[in-house]
């Protein structure tokens, strides 16, 4: 079974030229924050998505830019498969957020 990726749109704080972001989940695990490069400030790369923050096996990586978020899924799957090979824990057993009984929520402080 192929990994199931889900996305939660987020907006980066004002003052950033890149404001459009997506939290990327694999099952219940937060993998990354993808951010869309601004068309205004990045003429040659505007509209492409980059890894602004990666977590777990996606941390401290420098993947290529992606045309659309779904284009990053093979890269994410490859990073997760490296963990599976090291730990022997089948990553395919990770449940989607809906099945895990968890969903992204807003928290106010």
PDB file of N, CA and C in Angstrom:
ATOM      1  N   UNK A   1       0.841  -1.179   0.000  1.00  0.00           N
ATOM      2  CA  UNK A   1       0.000   0.000   0.000  1.00  0.00           C
ATOM      3  C   UNK A   1       0.892   1.252   0.000  1.00  0.00           C
ATOM      4  N   UNK A   2       0.567   2.170  -0.866  1.00  0.00           N
ATOM      5  CA  UNK A   2       1.345   3.402  -0.981  1.00  0.00           C
ATOM      6  C   UNK A   2       1.051   4.323   0.203  1.00  0.00           C
ATOM      7  N   UNK A   3       2.045   5.097   0.626  1.00  0.00           N
ATOM      8  CA  UNK A   3       1.808   6.019   1.731  1.00  0.00           C
ATOM      9  C   UNK A   3       0.742   7.041   1.360  1.00  0.00           C
ATOM     10  N   UNK A   4       0.009   7.475   2.357  1.00  0.00           N
ATOM     11  CA  UNK A   4      -1.037   8.466   2.144  1.00  0.00           C
ATOM     12  C   UNK A   4      -0.548   9.797   2.692  1.00  0.00           C
ATOM     13  N   UNK A   5      -0.466  10.775   1.816  1.00  0.00           N
ATOM     14  CA  UNK A   5      -0.054  12.117   2.199  1.00  0.00           C
ATOM     15  C   UNK A   5      -1.284  13.001   2.314  1.00  0.00           C
ATOM     16  N   UNK A   6      -1.311  13.817   3.341  1.00  0.00           N
ATOM     17  CA  UNK A   6      -2.376  14.804   3.481  1.00  0.00           C
ATOM     18  C   UNK A   6      -1.717  16.157   3.702  1.00  0.00           C
ATOM     19  N   UNK A   7      -2.466  17.188   3.375  1.00  0.00           N
ATOM     20  CA  UNK A   7      -1.942  18.547   3.417  1.00  0.00           C
ATOM     21  C   UNK A   7      -2.872  19.445   4.207  1.00  0.00           C
ATOM     22  N   UNK A   8      -2.288  20.342   4.948  1.00  0.00           N
ATOM     23  CA  UNK A   8      -3.059  21.363   5.649  1.00  0.00           C
ATOM     24  C   UNK A   8      -2.505  22.720   5.235  1.00  0.00           C
ATOM     25  N   UNK A   9      -3.313  23.531   4.558  1.00  0.00           N
ATOM     26  CA  UNK A   9      -2.842  24.862   4.163  1.00  0.00           C
ATOM     27  C   UNK A   9      -2.578  25.726   5.389  1.00  0.00           C
ATOM     28  N   UNK A  10      -1.491  26.489   5.328  1.00  0.00           N
ATOM     29  CA  UNK A  10      -1.148  27.446   6.376  1.00  0.00           C
ATOM     30  C   UNK A  10      -0.663  28.720   5.700  1.00  0.00           C
ATOM     31  N   UNK A  11      -0.720  29.797   6.439  1.00  0.00           N
ATOM     32  CA  UNK A  11      -0.230  31.068   5.931  1.00  0.00           C
ATOM     33  C   UNK A  11       0.922  31.513   6.814  1.00  0.00           C
ATOM     34  N   UNK A  12       2.044  31.851   6.201  1.00  0.00           N
ATOM     35  CA  UNK A  12       3.194  32.318   6.953  1.00  0.00           C
ATOM     36  C   UNK A  12       2.963  33.744   7.428  1.00  0.00           C
ATOM     37  N   UNK A  13       3.646  34.141   8.466  1.00  0.00           N
ATOM     38  CA  UNK A  13       3.463  35.457   9.073  1.00  0.00           C
ATOM     39  C   UNK A  13       3.721  36.570   8.059  1.00  0.00           C
ATOM     40  N   UNK A  14       3.010  37.666   8.249  1.00  0.00           N
ATOM     41  CA  UNK A  14       3.221  38.826   7.391  1.00  0.00           C
ATOM     42  C   UNK A  14       4.669  39.268   7.489  1.00  0.00           C
ATOM     43  N   UNK A  15       5.145  39.854   6.424  1.00  0.00           N
ATOM     44  CA  UNK A  15       6.534  40.261   6.361  1.00  0.00           C
ATOM     45  C   UNK A  15       7.362  39.302   5.529  1.00  0.00           C
ATOM     46  N   UNK A  16       6.834  38.110   5.282  1.00  0.00           N
ATOM     47  CA  UNK A  16       7.502  37.146   4.415  1.00  0.00           C
ATOM     48  C   UNK A  16       6.964  37.318   2.999  1.00  0.00           C
ATOM     49  N   UNK A  17       7.823  37.372   1.993  1.00  0.00           N
ATOM     50  CA  UNK A  17       7.294  37.452   0.629  1.00  0.00           C
ATOM     51  C   UNK A  17       6.578  36.161   0.244  1.00  0.00           C
ATOM     52  N   UNK A  18       7.016  35.054   0.828  1.00  0.00           N
ATOM     53  CA  UNK A  18       6.350  33.774   0.612  1.00  0.00           C
ATOM     54  C   UNK A  18       5.377  33.552   1.760  1.00  0.00           C
ATOM     55  N   UNK A  19       4.091  33.571   1.466  1.00  0.00           N
ATOM     56  CA  UNK A  19       3.086  33.441   2.529  1.00  0.00           C
ATOM     57  C   UNK A  19       2.315  32.127   2.455  1.00  0.00           C
ATOM     58  N   UNK A  20       2.282  31.500   1.295  1.00  0.00           N
ATOM     59  CA  UNK A  20       1.476  30.298   1.108  1.00  0.00           C
ATOM     60  C   UNK A  20       2.282  29.061   1.499  1.00  0.00           C
ATOM     61  N   UNK A  21       1.756  28.300   2.458  1.00  0.00           N
ATOM     62  CA  UNK A  21       2.445  27.107   2.903  1.00  0.00           C
ATOM     63  C   UNK A  21       1.513  25.927   3.045  1.00  0.00           C
ATOM     64  N   UNK A  22       2.098  24.756   3.126  1.00  0.00           N
ATOM     65  CA  UNK A  22       1.349  23.519   3.357  1.00  0.00           C
ATOM     66  C   UNK A  22       2.096  22.675   4.378  1.00  0.00           C
ATOM     67  N   UNK A  23       1.392  22.263   5.424  1.00  0.00           N
ATOM     68  CA  UNK A  23       1.937  21.249   6.316  1.00  0.00           C
ATOM     69  C   UNK A  23       1.700  19.916   5.625  1.00  0.00           C
ATOM     70  N   UNK A  24       2.706  19.071   5.583  1.00  0.00           N
ATOM     71  CA  UNK A  24       2.603  17.781   4.908  1.00  0.00           C
ATOM     72  C   UNK A  24       2.630  16.685   5.960  1.00  0.00           C
ATOM     73  N   UNK A  25       1.583  15.870   5.964  1.00  0.00           N
ATOM     74  CA  UNK A  25       1.470  14.752   6.901  1.00  0.00           C
ATOM     75  C   UNK A  25       1.580  13.445   6.146  1.00  0.00           C
ATOM     76  N   UNK A  26       2.170  12.472   6.793  1.00  0.00           N
ATOM     77  CA  UNK A  26       2.182  11.101   6.293  1.00  0.00           C
ATOM     78  C   UNK A  26       1.557  10.284   7.398  1.00  0.00           C
ATOM     79  N   UNK A  27       0.330   9.872   7.179  1.00  0.00           N
ATOM     80  CA  UNK A  27      -0.425   9.294   8.268  1.00  0.00           C
ATOM     81  C   UNK A  27      -0.621  10.379   9.312  1.00  0.00           C
ATOM     82  N   UNK A  28      -0.297  10.094  10.562  1.00  0.00           N
ATOM     83  CA  UNK A  28      -0.439  11.077  11.633  1.00  0.00           C
ATOM     84  C   UNK A  28       0.854  11.867  11.868  1.00  0.00           C
ATOM     85  N   UNK A  29       1.909  11.553  11.106  1.00  0.00           N
ATOM     86  CA  UNK A  29       3.209  12.200  11.310  1.00  0.00           C
ATOM     87  C   UNK A  29       3.347  13.454  10.457  1.00  0.00           C
ATOM     88  N   UNK A  30       3.780  14.546  11.088  1.00  0.00           N
ATOM     89  CA  UNK A  30       4.096  15.767  10.360  1.00  0.00           C
ATOM     90  C   UNK A  30       5.481  15.604   9.756  1.00  0.00           C
ATOM     91  N   UNK A  31       5.550  15.667   8.420  1.00  0.00           N
ATOM     92  CA  UNK A  31       6.817  15.494   7.721  1.00  0.00           C
ATOM     93  C   UNK A  31       7.513  16.797   7.394  1.00  0.00           C
ATOM     94  N   UNK A  32       6.697  17.797   6.974  1.00  0.00           N
ATOM     95  CA  UNK A  32       7.359  18.973   6.418  1.00  0.00           C
ATOM     96  C   UNK A  32       6.430  20.164   6.326  1.00  0.00           C
ATOM     97  N   UNK A  33       7.069  21.297   6.104  1.00  0.00           N
ATOM     98  CA  UNK A  33       6.376  22.515   5.712  1.00  0.00           C
ATOM     99  C   UNK A  33       6.893  22.863   4.325  1.00  0.00           C
ATOM    100  N   UNK A  34       6.003  22.828   3.347  1.00  0.00           N
ATOM    101  CA  UNK A  34       6.333  23.275   1.998  1.00  0.00           C
ATOM    102  C   UNK A  34       5.861  24.710   1.849  1.00  0.00           C
ATOM    103  N   UNK A  35       6.645  25.535   1.196  1.00  0.00           N
ATOM    104  CA  UNK A  35       6.293  26.938   0.987  1.00  0.00           C
ATOM    105  C   UNK A  35       6.414  27.247  -0.498  1.00  0.00           C
ATOM    106  N   UNK A  36       5.425  27.979  -0.976  1.00  0.00           N
ATOM    107  CA  UNK A  36       5.407  28.359  -2.388  1.00  0.00           C
ATOM    108  C   UNK A  36       6.184  29.667  -2.570  1.00  0.00           C
ATOM    109  N   UNK A  37       7.145  29.650  -3.480  1.00  0.00           N
ATOM    110  CA  UNK A  37       7.940  30.836  -3.765  1.00  0.00           C
ATOM    111  C   UNK A  37       7.082  31.898  -4.439  1.00  0.00           C
ATOM    112  N   UNK A  38       7.276  33.131  -4.035  1.00  0.00           N
ATOM    113  CA  UNK A  38       6.492  34.253  -4.537  1.00  0.00           C
ATOM    114  C   UNK A  38       6.827  34.567  -5.993  1.00  0.00           C
ATOM    115  N   UNK A  39       5.787  34.795  -6.775  1.00  0.00           N
ATOM    116  CA  UNK A  39       5.985  35.207  -8.166  1.00  0.00           C
ATOM    117  C   UNK A  39       6.586  36.610  -8.240  1.00  0.00           C
ATOM    118  N   UNK A  40       6.298  37.437  -7.234  1.00  0.00           N
ATOM    119  CA  UNK A  40       6.771  38.824  -7.228  1.00  0.00           C
ATOM    120  C   UNK A  40       8.267  38.932  -6.991  1.00  0.00           C
ATOM    121  N   UNK A  41       8.794  38.106  -6.094  1.00  0.00           N
ATOM    122  CA  UNK A  41      10.201  38.248  -5.723  1.00  0.00           C
ATOM    123  C   UNK A  41      11.113  37.197  -6.346  1.00  0.00           C
ATOM    124  N   UNK A  42      10.552  36.183  -6.905  1.00  0.00           N
ATOM    125  CA  UNK A  42      11.358  35.081  -7.461  1.00  0.00           C
ATOM    126  C   UNK A  42      10.944  34.809  -8.901  1.00  0.00           C
ATOM    127  N   UNK A  43      11.236  35.719  -9.789  1.00  0.00           N
ATOM    128  CA  UNK A  43      10.734  35.638 -11.161  1.00  0.00           C
ATOM    129  C   UNK A  43      11.038  34.305 -11.840  1.00  0.00           C
ATOM    130  N   UNK A  44      12.243  33.786 -11.692  1.00  0.00           N
ATOM    131  CA  UNK A  44      12.574  32.542 -12.397  1.00  0.00           C
ATOM    132  C   UNK A  44      12.051  31.296 -11.685  1.00  0.00           C
ATOM    133  N   UNK A  45      11.839  31.388 -10.372  1.00  0.00           N
ATOM    134  CA  UNK A  45      11.392  30.222  -9.613  1.00  0.00           C
ATOM    135  C   UNK A  45      10.025  30.442  -8.971  1.00  0.00           C
ATOM    136  N   UNK A  46       9.415  31.585  -9.214  1.00  0.00           N
ATOM    137  CA  UNK A  46       8.117  31.891  -8.611  1.00  0.00           C
ATOM    138  C   UNK A  46       7.079  30.833  -8.935  1.00  0.00           C
ATOM    139  N   UNK A  47       6.308  30.481  -7.928  1.00  0.00           N
ATOM    140  CA  UNK A  47       5.273  29.468  -8.083  1.00  0.00           C
ATOM    141  C   UNK A  47       5.729  28.071  -7.723  1.00  0.00           C
ATOM    142  N   UNK A  48       7.051  27.847  -7.642  1.00  0.00           N
ATOM    143  CA  UNK A  48       7.565  26.533  -7.252  1.00  0.00           C
ATOM    144  C   UNK A  48       7.493  26.388  -5.734  1.00  0.00           C
ATOM    145  N   UNK A  49       7.519  25.156  -5.270  1.00  0.00           N
ATOM    146  CA  UNK A  49       7.442  24.850  -3.842  1.00  0.00           C
ATOM    147  C   UNK A  49       8.801  24.370  -3.349  1.00  0.00           C
ATOM    148  N   UNK A  50       9.178  24.794  -2.125  1.00  0.00           N
ATOM    149  CA  UNK A  50      10.433  24.328  -1.537  1.00  0.00           C
ATOM    150  C   UNK A  50      10.176  23.829  -0.119  1.00  0.00           C
ATOM    151  N   UNK A  51      11.103  23.019   0.358  1.00  0.00           N
ATOM    152  CA  UNK A  51      11.037  22.478   1.709  1.00  0.00           C
ATOM    153  C   UNK A  51      11.575  23.529   2.665  1.00  0.00           C
ATOM    154  N   UNK A  52      10.674  24.196   3.386  1.00  0.00           N
ATOM    155  CA  UNK A  52      11.072  25.223   4.350  1.00  0.00           C
ATOM    156  C   UNK A  52      11.502  24.591   5.660  1.00  0.00           C
ATOM    157  N   UNK A  53      10.856  23.495   6.028  1.00  0.00           N
ATOM    158  CA  UNK A  53      11.204  22.770   7.251  1.00  0.00           C
ATOM    159  C   UNK A  53      10.853  21.303   7.053  1.00  0.00           C
ATOM    160  N   UNK A  54      11.778  20.456   7.433  1.00  0.00           N
ATOM    161  CA  UNK A  54      11.533  19.018   7.373  1.00  0.00           C
ATOM    162  C   UNK A  54      11.677  18.429   8.760  1.00  0.00           C
ATOM    163  N   UNK A  55      10.973  17.349   9.020  1.00  0.00           N
ATOM    164  CA  UNK A  55      10.991  16.711  10.330  1.00  0.00           C
ATOM    165  C   UNK A  55      11.323  15.237  10.161  1.00  0.00           C
ATOM    166  N   UNK A  56      11.910  14.663  11.197  1.00  0.00           N
ATOM    167  CA  UNK A  56      12.290  13.257  11.128  1.00  0.00           C
ATOM    168  C   UNK A  56      13.259  13.030   9.990  1.00  0.00           C
ATOM    169  N   UNK A  57      12.984  12.052   9.125  1.00  0.00           N
ATOM    170  CA  UNK A  57      13.917  11.744   8.041  1.00  0.00           C
ATOM    171  C   UNK A  57      14.011  12.839   6.982  1.00  0.00           C
ATOM    172  N   UNK A  58      13.117  13.794   7.011  1.00  0.00           N
ATOM    173  CA  UNK A  58      13.134  14.891   6.031  1.00  0.00           C
ATOM    174  C   UNK A  58      13.865  16.124   6.554  1.00  0.00           C
ATOM    175  N   UNK A  59      14.367  16.062   7.776  1.00  0.00           N
ATOM    176  CA  UNK A  59      15.094  17.194   8.354  1.00  0.00           C
ATOM    177  C   UNK A  59      16.462  17.327   7.711  1.00  0.00           C
ATOM    178  N   UNK A  60      16.924  18.554   7.620  1.00  0.00           N
ATOM    179  CA  UNK A  60      18.256  18.857   7.124  1.00  0.00           C
ATOM    180  C   UNK A  60      18.528  18.280   5.742  1.00  0.00           C
ATOM    181  N   UNK A  61      17.525  18.282   4.924  1.00  0.00           N
ATOM    182  CA  UNK A  61      17.670  17.804   3.554  1.00  0.00           C
ATOM    183  C   UNK A  61      17.582  18.988   2.607  1.00  0.00           C
ATOM    184  N   UNK A  62      18.100  18.810   1.421  1.00  0.00           N
ATOM    185  CA  UNK A  62      18.020  19.837   0.389  1.00  0.00           C
ATOM    186  C   UNK A  62      17.435  19.230  -0.879  1.00  0.00           C
ATOM    187  N   UNK A  63      16.128  18.980  -0.870  1.00  0.00           N
ATOM    188  CA  UNK A  63      15.518  18.402  -2.070  1.00  0.00           C
ATOM    189  C   UNK A  63      15.417  19.459  -3.163  1.00  0.00           C
ATOM    190  N   UNK A  64      15.087  19.037  -4.367  1.00  0.00           N
ATOM    191  CA  UNK A  64      14.893  20.014  -5.436  1.00  0.00           C
ATOM    192  C   UNK A  64      13.619  20.819  -5.187  1.00  0.00           C
ATOM    193  N   UNK A  65      13.421  21.834  -5.994  1.00  0.00           N
ATOM    194  CA  UNK A  65      12.150  22.563  -5.963  1.00  0.00           C
ATOM    195  C   UNK A  65      11.105  21.696  -6.658  1.00  0.00           C
ATOM    196  N   UNK A  66       9.846  21.881  -6.266  1.00  0.00           N
ATOM    197  CA  UNK A  66       8.767  21.072  -6.828  1.00  0.00           C
ATOM    198  C   UNK A  66       7.763  21.967  -7.545  1.00  0.00           C
ATOM    199  N   UNK A  67       7.282  21.495  -8.694  1.00  0.00           N
ATOM    200  CA  UNK A  67       6.303  22.253  -9.474  1.00  0.00           C
ATOM    201  C   UNK A  67       4.987  22.372  -8.730  1.00  0.00           C
ATOM    202  N   UNK A  68       4.577  21.290  -8.082  1.00  0.00           N
ATOM    203  CA  UNK A  68       3.366  21.276  -7.265  1.00  0.00           C
ATOM    204  C   UNK A  68       3.628  20.359  -6.071  1.00  0.00           C
ATOM    205  N   UNK A  69       2.868  20.532  -4.992  1.00  0.00           N
ATOM    206  CA  UNK A  69       3.136  19.738  -3.780  1.00  0.00           C
ATOM    207  C   UNK A  69       3.152  18.229  -4.028  1.00  0.00           C
ATOM    208  N   UNK A  70       2.267  17.743  -4.872  1.00  0.00           N
ATOM    209  CA  UNK A  70       2.205  16.302  -5.134  1.00  0.00           C
ATOM    210  C   UNK A  70       3.492  15.782  -5.763  1.00  0.00           C
ATOM    211  N   UNK A  71       4.230  16.654  -6.439  1.00  0.00           N
ATOM    212  CA  UNK A  71       5.498  16.239  -7.039  1.00  0.00           C
ATOM    213  C   UNK A  71       6.538  15.912  -5.971  1.00  0.00           C
ATOM    214  N   UNK A  72       6.339  16.375  -4.747  1.00  0.00           N
ATOM    215  CA  UNK A  72       7.275  16.089  -3.659  1.00  0.00           C
ATOM    216  C   UNK A  72       7.023  14.718  -3.032  1.00  0.00           C
ATOM    217  N   UNK A  73       5.886  14.119  -3.282  1.00  0.00           N
ATOM    218  CA  UNK A  73       5.530  12.859  -2.620  1.00  0.00           C
ATOM    219  C   UNK A  73       6.543  11.735  -2.861  1.00  0.00           C
ATOM    220  N   UNK A  74       7.050  11.537  -4.080  1.00  0.00           N
ATOM    221  CA  UNK A  74       8.065  10.480  -4.236  1.00  0.00           C
ATOM    222  C   UNK A  74       9.321  10.754  -3.403  1.00  0.00           C
ATOM    223  N   UNK A  75       9.705  12.020  -3.304  1.00  0.00           N
ATOM    224  CA  UNK A  75      10.872  12.365  -2.490  1.00  0.00           C
ATOM    225  C   UNK A  75      10.597  12.059  -1.024  1.00  0.00           C
ATOM    226  N   UNK A  76       9.418  12.458  -0.515  1.00  0.00           N
ATOM    227  CA  UNK A  76       9.057  12.157   0.872  1.00  0.00           C
ATOM    228  C   UNK A  76       9.024  10.650   1.104  1.00  0.00           C
ATOM    229  N   UNK A  77       8.424   9.907   0.188  1.00  0.00           N
ATOM    230  CA  UNK A  77       8.325   8.448   0.337  1.00  0.00           C
ATOM    231  C   UNK A  77       9.716   7.817   0.396  1.00  0.00           C
ATOM    232  N   UNK A  78      10.633   8.316  -0.413  1.00  0.00           N
ATOM    233  CA  UNK A  78      12.006   7.791  -0.398  1.00  0.00           C
ATOM    234  C   UNK A  78      12.670   8.058   0.948  1.00  0.00           C
ATOM    235  N   UNK A  79      12.491   9.254   1.496  1.00  0.00           N
ATOM    236  CA  UNK A  79      13.074   9.562   2.802  1.00  0.00           C
ATOM    237  C   UNK A  79      12.488   8.650   3.875  1.00  0.00           C
ATOM    238  N   UNK A  80      11.189   8.421   3.841  1.00  0.00           N
ATOM    239  CA  UNK A  80      10.539   7.561   4.830  1.00  0.00           C
ATOM    240  C   UNK A  80      10.970   6.113   4.662  1.00  0.00           C
ATOM    241  N   UNK A  81      11.214   5.681   3.430  1.00  0.00           N
ATOM    242  CA  UNK A  81      11.639   4.290   3.219  1.00  0.00           C
ATOM    243  C   UNK A  81      13.022   4.053   3.812  1.00  0.00           C
ATOM    244  N   UNK A  82      13.857   5.078   3.866  1.00  0.00           N
ATOM    245  CA  UNK A  82      15.176   4.940   4.491  1.00  0.00           C
ATOM    246  C   UNK A  82      15.032   4.654   5.976  1.00  0.00           C
ATOM    247  N   UNK A  83      14.067   5.288   6.630  1.00  0.00           N
ATOM    248  CA  UNK A  83      13.809   5.038   8.050  1.00  0.00           C
ATOM    249  C   UNK A  83      13.296   3.623   8.227  1.00  0.00           C
ATOM    250  N   UNK A  84      12.402   3.198   7.352  1.00  0.00           N
ATOM    251  CA  UNK A  84      11.834   1.859   7.432  1.00  0.00           C
ATOM    252  C   UNK A  84      12.934   0.813   7.299  1.00  0.00           C
ATOM    253  N   UNK A  85      13.866   1.042   6.386  1.00  0.00           N
ATOM    254  CA  UNK A  85      14.962   0.084   6.208  1.00  0.00           C
ATOM    255  C   UNK A  85      15.849   0.036   7.448  1.00  0.00           C
ATOM    256  N   UNK A  86      16.081   1.186   8.094  1.00  0.00           N
ATOM    257  CA  UNK A  86      16.937   1.229   9.292  1.00  0.00           C
ATOM    258  C   UNK A  86      16.242   0.628  10.505  1.00  0.00           C
ATOM    259  N   UNK A  87      14.939   0.910  10.662  1.00  0.00           N
ATOM    260  CA  UNK A  87      14.251   0.486  11.872  1.00  0.00           C
ATOM    261  C   UNK A  87      13.542  -0.850  11.730  1.00  0.00           C
ATOM    262  N   UNK A  88      13.269  -1.260  10.488  1.00  0.00           N
ATOM    263  CA  UNK A  88      12.525  -2.488  10.266  1.00  0.00           C
ATOM    264  C   UNK A  88      11.045  -2.327  10.519  1.00  0.00           C
ATOM    265  N   UNK A  89      10.607  -1.129  10.841  1.00  0.00           N
ATOM    266  CA  UNK A  89       9.196  -0.856  11.084  1.00  0.00           C
ATOM    267  C   UNK A  89       8.534  -0.477   9.772  1.00  0.00           C
ATOM    268  N   UNK A  90       7.551  -1.246   9.327  1.00  0.00           N
ATOM    269  CA  UNK A  90       6.924  -0.935   8.043  1.00  0.00           C
ATOM    270  C   UNK A  90       6.155   0.374   8.090  1.00  0.00           C
ATOM    271  N   UNK A  91       6.600   1.332   7.302  1.00  0.00           N
ATOM    272  CA  UNK A  91       5.965   2.647   7.278  1.00  0.00           C
ATOM    273  C   UNK A  91       4.555   2.587   6.720  1.00  0.00           C
ATOM    274  N   UNK A  92       4.252   1.555   5.945  1.00  0.00           N
ATOM    275  CA  UNK A  92       2.914   1.453   5.365  1.00  0.00           C
ATOM    276  C   UNK A  92       1.835   1.270   6.433  1.00  0.00           C
ATOM    277  N   UNK A  93       2.225   0.881   7.645  1.00  0.00           N
ATOM    278  CA  UNK A  93       1.251   0.678   8.712  1.00  0.00           C
ATOM    279  C   UNK A  93       0.800   1.977   9.358  1.00  0.00           C
ATOM    280  N   UNK A  94       1.392   3.098   8.969  1.00  0.00           N
ATOM    281  CA  UNK A  94       0.982   4.376   9.521  1.00  0.00           C
ATOM    282  C   UNK A  94      -0.395   4.707   8.978  1.00  0.00           C
ATOM    283  N   UNK A  95      -1.312   5.056   9.858  1.00  0.00           N
ATOM    284  CA  UNK A  95      -2.679   5.323   9.446  1.00  0.00           C
ATOM    285  C   UNK A  95      -2.849   6.779   9.028  1.00  0.00           C
ATOM    286  N   UNK A  96      -3.773   7.028   8.073  1.00  0.00           N
ATOM    287  CA  UNK A  96      -4.094   8.418   7.743  1.00  0.00           C
ATOM    288  C   UNK A  96      -4.661   9.123   8.966  1.00  0.00           C
ATOM    289  N   UNK A  97      -4.599  10.446   8.974  1.00  0.00           N
ATOM    290  CA  UNK A  97      -5.081  11.222  10.112  1.00  0.00           C
ATOM    291  C   UNK A  97      -6.509  10.845  10.496  1.00  0.00           C
ATOM    292  N   UNK A  98      -7.354  10.662   9.497  1.00  0.00           N
ATOM    293  CA  UNK A  98      -8.761  10.370   9.786  1.00  0.00           C
ATOM    294  C   UNK A  98      -8.913   9.058  10.551  1.00  0.00           C
ATOM    295  N   UNK A  99      -8.111   8.054  10.181  1.00  0.00           N
ATOM    296  CA  UNK A  99      -8.198   6.750  10.841  1.00  0.00           C
ATOM    297  C   UNK A  99      -7.478   6.747  12.184  1.00  0.00           C
ATOM    298  N   UNK A 100      -6.478   7.590  12.328  1.00  0.00           N
ATOM    299  CA  UNK A 100      -5.703   7.628  13.569  1.00  0.00           C
ATOM    300  C   UNK A 100      -6.457   8.340  14.684  1.00  0.00           C
ATOM    301  N   UNK A 101      -7.581   8.973  14.306  1.00  0.00           N
ATOM    302  CA  UNK A 101      -8.359   9.692  15.312  1.00  0.00           C
ATOM    303  C   UNK A 101      -7.754  11.029  15.664  1.00  0.00           C
ATOM    304  N   UNK A 102      -6.835  11.500  14.845  1.00  0.00           N
ATOM    305  CA  UNK A 102      -6.192  12.788  15.080  1.00  0.00           C
ATOM    306  C   UNK A 102      -6.392  13.637  13.843  1.00  0.00           C
ATOM    307  N   UNK A 103      -6.571  14.899  14.041  1.00  0.00           N
ATOM    308  CA  UNK A 103      -6.626  15.794  12.899  1.00  0.00           C
ATOM    309  C   UNK A 103      -6.002  17.114  13.301  1.00  0.00           C
ATOM    310  N   UNK A 104      -5.451  17.819  12.319  1.00  0.00           N
ATOM    311  CA  UNK A 104      -4.843  19.106  12.666  1.00  0.00           C
ATOM    312  C   UNK A 104      -5.876  20.022  13.296  1.00  0.00           C
ATOM    313  N   UNK A 105      -5.495  20.695  14.383  1.00  0.00           N
ATOM    314  CA  UNK A 105      -6.413  21.602  15.076  1.00  0.00           C
ATOM    315  C   UNK A 105      -5.712  22.924  15.308  1.00  0.00           C
ATOM    316  N   UNK A 106      -6.503  23.964  15.406  1.00  0.00           N
ATOM    317  CA  UNK A 106      -5.962  25.268  15.757  1.00  0.00           C
ATOM    318  C   UNK A 106      -5.845  25.345  17.271  1.00  0.00           C
ATOM    319  N   UNK A 107      -4.742  25.889  17.736  1.00  0.00           N
ATOM    320  CA  UNK A 107      -4.547  26.090  19.155  1.00  0.00           C
ATOM    321  C   UNK A 107      -4.326  27.565  19.382  1.00  0.00           C
ATOM    322  N   UNK A 108      -5.037  28.111  20.331  1.00  0.00           N
ATOM    323  CA  UNK A 108      -4.902  29.531  20.633  1.00  0.00           C
ATOM    324  C   UNK A 108      -4.286  29.686  22.010  1.00  0.00           C
ATOM    325  N   UNK A 109      -3.321  30.572  22.130  1.00  0.00           N
ATOM    326  CA  UNK A 109      -2.656  30.816  23.417  1.00  0.00           C
ATOM    327  C   UNK A 109      -2.973  32.217  23.882  1.00  0.00           C
TER     328      UNK A 109
END
